[in-house]
N, C-alpha and C. Protein backbone atom coordinates (compact mmCIF):
# COMPACT_ATOMS: atom_id res chain seq x y z
N UNK A 1 0.64 -1.28 9.83
CA UNK A 1 1.81 -1.81 9.06
C UNK A 1 2.85 -0.63 8.96
N UNK A 2 2.24 0.57 8.54
CA UNK A 2 3.36 1.39 8.44
C UNK A 2 4.13 1.70 9.40
N UNK A 3 3.58 1.47 10.83
CA UNK A 3 4.60 1.56 11.67
C UNK A 3 5.88 0.56 12.03
N UNK A 4 5.63 -0.46 11.11
CA UNK A 4 6.53 -1.33 10.96
C UNK A 4 7.47 -1.38 9.63
N UNK A 5 7.10 -0.27 8.89
CA UNK A 5 7.99 0.00 8.13
C UNK A 5 7.49 -0.71 6.35
N UNK A 6 6.35 -0.88 6.63
CA UNK A 6 5.73 -1.64 5.47
C UNK A 6 5.10 -0.74 4.43
N UNK A 7 5.21 -0.66 3.13
CA UNK A 7 4.48 0.27 2.26
C UNK A 7 3.25 -0.39 2.09
N UNK A 8 2.13 0.38 2.01
CA UNK A 8 0.70 0.05 2.01
C UNK A 8 0.24 0.55 0.66
N UNK A 9 -0.28 -0.22 -0.17
CA UNK A 9 -0.82 -0.04 -1.33
C UNK A 9 -2.53 -0.73 -1.49
N UNK A 10 -3.40 0.14 -1.66
CA UNK A 10 -4.51 -0.42 -1.51
C UNK A 10 -5.13 -0.37 -3.18
N UNK A 11 -5.95 -1.37 -3.45
CA UNK A 11 -6.51 -1.61 -4.88
C UNK A 11 -7.91 -0.77 -4.71
N UNK A 12 -7.95 0.11 -5.68
CA UNK A 12 -8.90 1.17 -5.77
C UNK A 12 -9.84 1.00 -7.37
N UNK A 13 -11.02 1.37 -7.27
CA UNK A 13 -11.62 1.53 -8.61
C UNK A 13 -11.38 2.74 -8.98
N UNK A 14 -11.78 2.98 -10.45
CA UNK A 14 -11.19 4.18 -10.97
C UNK A 14 -12.30 5.29 -10.75
N UNK A 15 -12.42 5.47 -9.62
CA UNK A 15 -13.34 6.90 -9.12
C UNK A 15 -12.28 7.86 -8.11
N UNK A 16 -12.70 9.09 -8.31
CA UNK A 16 -12.04 10.05 -7.59
C UNK A 16 -12.34 9.81 -6.22
N UNK A 17 -13.33 9.32 -5.62
CA UNK A 17 -13.72 8.93 -4.39
C UNK A 17 -12.88 7.92 -3.72
N UNK A 18 -12.56 6.74 -4.56
CA UNK A 18 -11.72 5.77 -4.09
C UNK A 18 -10.28 6.11 -4.13
N UNK A 19 -9.90 6.93 -4.87
CA UNK A 19 -8.42 7.44 -4.78
C UNK A 19 -8.25 8.33 -3.73
N UNK A 20 -9.18 9.27 -3.42
CA UNK A 20 -9.21 10.15 -2.25
C UNK A 20 -9.10 9.35 -1.03
N UNK A 21 -10.13 8.33 -1.06
CA UNK A 21 -10.50 7.21 0.10
C UNK A 21 -9.09 6.91 0.67
N UNK A 22 -8.34 6.05 -0.53
CA UNK A 22 -6.90 5.66 -0.46
C UNK A 22 -5.99 6.50 0.57
N UNK A 23 -5.98 7.66 0.06
CA UNK A 23 -5.20 8.92 0.74
C UNK A 23 -5.77 8.98 2.53
N UNK A 24 -6.95 9.22 2.37
CA UNK A 24 -7.55 9.57 3.74
C UNK A 24 -7.22 8.36 4.84
N UNK A 25 -7.01 7.09 4.29
CA UNK A 25 -6.71 6.20 5.14
C UNK A 25 -5.11 5.98 5.40
N UNK A 26 -4.32 6.66 4.82
CA UNK A 26 -3.00 6.48 5.02
C UNK A 26 -2.31 5.72 4.17
N UNK A 27 -2.72 5.49 3.06
CA UNK A 27 -2.26 4.54 2.13
C UNK A 27 -0.93 5.20 1.54
N UNK A 28 0.05 4.46 1.18
CA UNK A 28 1.06 5.15 0.34
C UNK A 28 1.10 5.09 -1.18
N UNK A 29 0.41 4.10 -1.64
CA UNK A 29 0.11 4.02 -3.18
C UNK A 29 -1.35 3.28 -3.45
N UNK A 30 -1.83 3.32 -4.41
CA UNK A 30 -3.02 2.80 -5.02
C UNK A 30 -2.44 1.83 -6.00
N UNK A 31 -3.28 0.88 -6.33
CA UNK A 31 -3.05 -0.13 -7.21
C UNK A 31 -4.42 -0.19 -8.21
N UNK A 32 -4.06 -0.03 -9.67
CA UNK A 32 -5.36 0.30 -10.45
C UNK A 32 -5.48 -1.21 -11.21
N UNK A 33 -6.81 -1.68 -11.06
CA UNK A 33 -7.04 -2.99 -11.52
C UNK A 33 -7.24 -2.82 -13.00
N UNK A 34 -6.24 -3.16 -13.75
CA UNK A 34 -6.56 -3.19 -15.20
C UNK A 34 -6.99 -4.11 -16.38
N UNK A 35 -7.74 -5.07 -15.69
CA UNK A 35 -8.51 -5.89 -16.61
C UNK A 35 -9.37 -5.15 -17.62
N UNK A 36 -10.09 -4.25 -17.11
CA UNK A 36 -10.87 -3.32 -18.15
C UNK A 36 -10.30 -2.74 -19.31
N UNK A 37 -9.02 -2.07 -18.98
CA UNK A 37 -8.08 -1.72 -19.95
C UNK A 37 -7.67 -2.74 -20.75
N UNK A 38 -7.14 -3.89 -20.43
CA UNK A 38 -6.98 -5.06 -21.22
C UNK A 38 -7.99 -5.48 -22.00
N UNK A 39 -9.16 -5.56 -21.64
CA UNK A 39 -10.16 -6.05 -22.25
C UNK A 39 -10.77 -4.96 -23.41
N UNK A 40 -10.35 -3.74 -23.31
CA UNK A 40 -10.90 -2.83 -24.38
C UNK A 40 -9.62 -2.31 -25.08
N UNK A 41 -8.56 -2.69 -24.84
CA UNK A 41 -7.21 -2.11 -25.38
C UNK A 41 -7.42 -2.24 -27.12
N UNK A 42 -7.70 -3.52 -27.45
CA UNK A 42 -7.48 -3.67 -28.83
C UNK A 42 -8.73 -2.94 -29.80
N UNK A 43 -9.67 -2.41 -28.81
CA UNK A 43 -10.80 -1.80 -29.79
C UNK A 43 -10.48 -0.36 -29.78
N UNK A 44 -10.12 0.36 -28.74
CA UNK A 44 -9.75 1.87 -28.69
C UNK A 44 -8.82 1.88 -27.62
N UNK A 45 -7.54 1.81 -27.59
CA UNK A 45 -6.66 1.95 -26.75
C UNK A 45 -7.05 3.41 -25.93
N UNK A 46 -7.05 4.36 -26.64
CA UNK A 46 -7.17 5.69 -26.13
C UNK A 46 -8.18 5.89 -25.06
N UNK A 47 -9.46 5.33 -25.35
CA UNK A 47 -10.50 5.26 -24.49
C UNK A 47 -10.28 4.54 -23.27
N UNK A 48 -9.78 3.37 -23.49
CA UNK A 48 -9.39 2.45 -22.64
C UNK A 48 -8.46 2.85 -21.29
N UNK A 49 -7.56 3.50 -21.85
CA UNK A 49 -6.54 4.26 -20.74
C UNK A 49 -7.16 5.42 -20.19
N UNK A 50 -7.84 6.20 -20.73
CA UNK A 50 -8.32 7.41 -20.38
C UNK A 50 -8.76 7.71 -18.76
N UNK A 51 -9.27 6.54 -18.33
CA UNK A 51 -9.77 6.72 -16.93
C UNK A 51 -8.54 6.47 -15.99
N UNK A 52 -7.64 5.62 -16.32
CA UNK A 52 -6.50 5.31 -15.79
C UNK A 52 -5.50 6.53 -15.74
N UNK A 53 -5.44 7.26 -16.65
CA UNK A 53 -4.69 8.40 -16.68
C UNK A 53 -5.19 9.42 -15.82
N UNK A 54 -6.58 9.55 -15.77
CA UNK A 54 -7.08 10.56 -14.83
C UNK A 54 -7.04 10.06 -13.29
N UNK A 55 -7.21 8.72 -12.90
CA UNK A 55 -6.85 8.26 -11.79
C UNK A 55 -5.39 8.44 -11.31
N UNK A 56 -4.68 8.13 -12.14
CA UNK A 56 -3.17 8.15 -11.71
C UNK A 56 -2.79 9.71 -11.70
N UNK A 57 -3.49 10.64 -12.35
CA UNK A 57 -2.94 11.96 -12.19
C UNK A 57 -3.56 12.44 -10.72
N UNK A 58 -4.77 11.86 -10.46
CA UNK A 58 -5.21 12.49 -9.05
C UNK A 58 -4.42 11.87 -8.15
N UNK A 59 -4.06 10.64 -8.15
CA UNK A 59 -3.21 10.07 -7.00
C UNK A 59 -1.77 10.72 -6.95
N UNK A 60 -1.37 11.08 -8.13
CA UNK A 60 -0.06 11.86 -8.19
C UNK A 60 -0.18 13.16 -7.29
N UNK A 61 -1.30 13.76 -7.85
CA UNK A 61 -1.44 15.04 -6.88
C UNK A 61 -1.61 15.06 -5.46
N UNK A 62 -2.14 13.91 -4.87
CA UNK A 62 -2.15 13.73 -3.66
C UNK A 62 -1.11 12.95 -3.05
N UNK A 63 0.01 12.92 -3.85
CA UNK A 63 1.26 12.30 -3.09
C UNK A 63 1.10 10.78 -2.98
N UNK A 64 0.35 10.33 -3.88
CA UNK A 64 0.31 8.72 -3.60
C UNK A 64 1.06 8.15 -4.97
N UNK A 65 1.62 6.93 -4.74
CA UNK A 65 2.35 6.21 -5.60
C UNK A 65 1.25 5.54 -6.58
N UNK A 66 1.51 5.00 -7.57
CA UNK A 66 0.63 4.50 -8.50
C UNK A 66 1.24 2.94 -9.22
N UNK A 67 0.50 2.12 -8.48
CA UNK A 67 0.74 0.71 -9.34
C UNK A 67 -0.38 0.29 -10.13
N UNK A 68 -0.23 -0.74 -10.81
CA UNK A 68 -1.17 -1.29 -11.97
C UNK A 68 -0.73 -2.85 -12.01
N UNK A 69 -2.13 -3.29 -12.31
CA UNK A 69 -2.07 -4.86 -12.68
C UNK A 69 -3.21 -5.57 -12.87
N UNK A 70 -3.12 -6.64 -13.66
CA UNK A 70 -4.16 -7.41 -13.97
C UNK A 70 -4.33 -7.54 -15.49
N UNK A 71 -3.91 -8.51 -16.19
CA UNK A 71 -4.21 -8.72 -17.85
C UNK A 71 -3.23 -8.02 -18.52
N UNK A 72 -2.11 -7.55 -17.93
CA UNK A 72 -1.10 -6.76 -18.67
C UNK A 72 -0.31 -7.73 -19.34
N UNK A 73 0.18 -7.44 -20.78
CA UNK A 73 0.91 -8.30 -21.41
C UNK A 73 1.86 -7.64 -22.41
N UNK A 74 2.51 -8.17 -23.32
CA UNK A 74 3.29 -7.85 -24.24
C UNK A 74 2.72 -6.64 -25.37
N UNK A 75 1.41 -6.82 -25.60
CA UNK A 75 0.77 -5.98 -26.47
C UNK A 75 0.25 -4.69 -25.78
N UNK A 76 -0.21 -4.47 -24.55
CA UNK A 76 -0.89 -3.43 -24.10
C UNK A 76 0.17 -2.91 -22.87
N UNK A 77 1.25 -3.54 -22.53
CA UNK A 77 2.00 -2.79 -21.36
C UNK A 77 2.76 -1.63 -21.76
N UNK A 78 3.17 -1.49 -23.08
CA UNK A 78 4.04 -0.38 -23.43
C UNK A 78 3.17 0.81 -23.45
N UNK A 79 1.88 0.67 -23.98
CA UNK A 79 0.87 1.79 -24.06
C UNK A 79 0.73 2.41 -22.58
N UNK A 80 0.48 1.27 -21.96
CA UNK A 80 -0.13 1.85 -20.57
C UNK A 80 1.03 2.58 -19.72
N UNK A 81 2.14 2.17 -19.98
CA UNK A 81 3.40 2.80 -19.29
C UNK A 81 3.64 4.25 -19.89
N UNK A 82 3.58 4.42 -21.20
CA UNK A 82 3.77 5.61 -21.84
C UNK A 82 2.29 6.55 -21.31
N UNK A 83 1.33 6.07 -21.06
CA UNK A 83 0.18 6.93 -20.76
C UNK A 83 0.01 7.28 -19.44
N UNK A 84 0.65 6.34 -18.53
CA UNK A 84 0.65 7.12 -17.07
C UNK A 84 2.13 7.08 -16.44
N UNK A 85 2.05 8.43 -16.79
CA UNK A 85 3.63 8.77 -16.63
C UNK A 85 4.19 8.68 -15.05
N UNK A 86 3.05 8.79 -14.26
CA UNK A 86 3.63 8.43 -12.85
C UNK A 86 3.44 6.80 -12.28
N UNK A 87 3.54 6.28 -13.39
CA UNK A 87 3.34 4.75 -12.69
C UNK A 87 4.66 4.40 -12.09
N UNK A 88 4.39 3.53 -11.09
CA UNK A 88 5.65 3.12 -10.26
C UNK A 88 6.03 1.67 -10.52
N UNK A 89 4.93 1.00 -10.47
CA UNK A 89 5.15 -0.51 -10.47
C UNK A 89 3.92 -1.37 -11.32
N UNK A 90 4.23 -2.22 -12.02
CA UNK A 90 3.08 -3.04 -12.48
C UNK A 90 3.20 -4.51 -12.00
N UNK A 91 2.04 -5.13 -11.96
CA UNK A 91 1.96 -6.54 -11.28
C UNK A 91 1.65 -7.35 -12.79
N UNK A 92 2.85 -8.12 -13.13
CA UNK A 92 2.50 -9.18 -14.29
C UNK A 92 2.74 -10.47 -14.15
N UNK A 93 1.85 -11.50 -14.06
CA UNK A 93 1.92 -12.82 -13.63
C UNK A 93 1.72 -13.60 -14.68
N UNK A 94 0.54 -13.94 -15.07
CA UNK A 94 -0.21 -14.66 -15.74
C UNK A 94 0.64 -14.78 -17.21
N UNK A 95 0.34 -13.67 -17.69
CA UNK A 95 1.01 -13.54 -19.29
C UNK A 95 2.61 -13.65 -19.16
N UNK A 96 3.32 -13.37 -18.21
CA UNK A 96 4.63 -13.39 -18.25
C UNK A 96 5.01 -15.01 -18.22
N UNK A 97 4.17 -15.59 -17.38
CA UNK A 97 4.43 -17.14 -17.36
C UNK A 97 4.05 -17.96 -18.43
N UNK A 98 2.97 -17.37 -19.32
CA UNK A 98 2.83 -18.03 -20.36
C UNK A 98 3.69 -17.79 -21.71
N UNK A 99 4.12 -16.57 -21.71
CA UNK A 99 5.08 -16.20 -22.76
C UNK A 99 6.44 -17.00 -22.26
N UNK A 100 6.78 -17.16 -21.12
CA UNK A 100 8.03 -17.88 -20.76
C UNK A 100 7.90 -19.08 -21.16
N UNK A 101 6.77 -19.84 -21.39
CA UNK A 101 6.67 -21.17 -21.76
C UNK A 101 7.21 -21.29 -23.29
N UNK A 102 7.36 -20.22 -24.00
CA UNK A 102 7.59 -20.30 -25.55
C UNK A 102 8.74 -19.48 -25.56
N UNK A 103 9.12 -18.47 -24.84
CA UNK A 103 10.52 -17.66 -24.99
C UNK A 103 11.46 -18.10 -24.08
N UNK A 104 11.06 -18.68 -23.04
CA UNK A 104 12.04 -18.99 -21.84
C UNK A 104 12.06 -17.78 -20.88
N UNK A 105 12.22 -18.13 -19.62
CA UNK A 105 11.93 -17.20 -18.49
C UNK A 105 12.89 -15.88 -18.77
N UNK A 106 14.04 -16.09 -18.86
CA UNK A 106 15.21 -15.14 -18.95
C UNK A 106 14.64 -14.07 -20.29
N UNK A 107 14.48 -14.45 -21.48
CA UNK A 107 14.08 -13.73 -22.51
C UNK A 107 12.94 -13.24 -22.32
N UNK A 108 11.84 -13.80 -21.59
CA UNK A 108 10.49 -13.28 -21.34
C UNK A 108 10.75 -11.82 -20.55
N UNK A 109 11.57 -11.96 -19.43
CA UNK A 109 11.72 -11.05 -18.37
C UNK A 109 12.06 -9.68 -19.42
N UNK A 110 13.26 -9.92 -20.18
CA UNK A 110 13.70 -8.93 -21.08
C UNK A 110 12.71 -8.20 -21.93
N UNK A 111 12.07 -9.34 -22.36
CA UNK A 111 10.75 -8.46 -23.38
C UNK A 111 10.01 -7.63 -22.73
N UNK A 112 9.73 -7.93 -21.24
CA UNK A 112 8.74 -7.16 -20.73
C UNK A 112 9.46 -5.78 -20.04
N UNK A 113 10.71 -5.90 -19.71
CA UNK A 113 11.38 -4.91 -19.33
C UNK A 113 11.61 -3.84 -20.54
N UNK A 114 11.75 -4.32 -21.70
CA UNK A 114 11.89 -3.49 -22.87
C UNK A 114 10.59 -2.59 -23.12
N UNK A 115 9.53 -3.15 -22.70
CA UNK A 115 8.29 -2.57 -22.98
C UNK A 115 7.90 -1.21 -21.84
N UNK A 116 8.64 -1.46 -20.62
CA UNK A 116 8.50 -0.46 -19.63
C UNK A 116 9.60 0.60 -19.54
N UNK A 117 10.57 0.61 -20.65
CA UNK A 117 11.50 1.61 -20.74
C UNK A 117 11.02 2.76 -21.52
């Protein structure tokens, strides 16, 4: 894929071995699966984000980009972005579309963009 100019991103678990493995196979980025973060965010957001911070810092030190996604919404997105200073992209689908039913798509996109500033 890279020979064709396509950026490669690999989903990884929050382990050193997985992040390092992504680098070893030639990936450009990792994507952190954030459902566990979202599930624990309202109980203890600092504890919920800690392993993501560690994984993203390791990725950055290996010159890997960092993406994240799954169960991100208007309540938990801003804290994740503030905590992962090397975050390149987020994947938000379900919550964005659900919010768009109430707020309209254009307004919802603006709400999410504000969380990422």
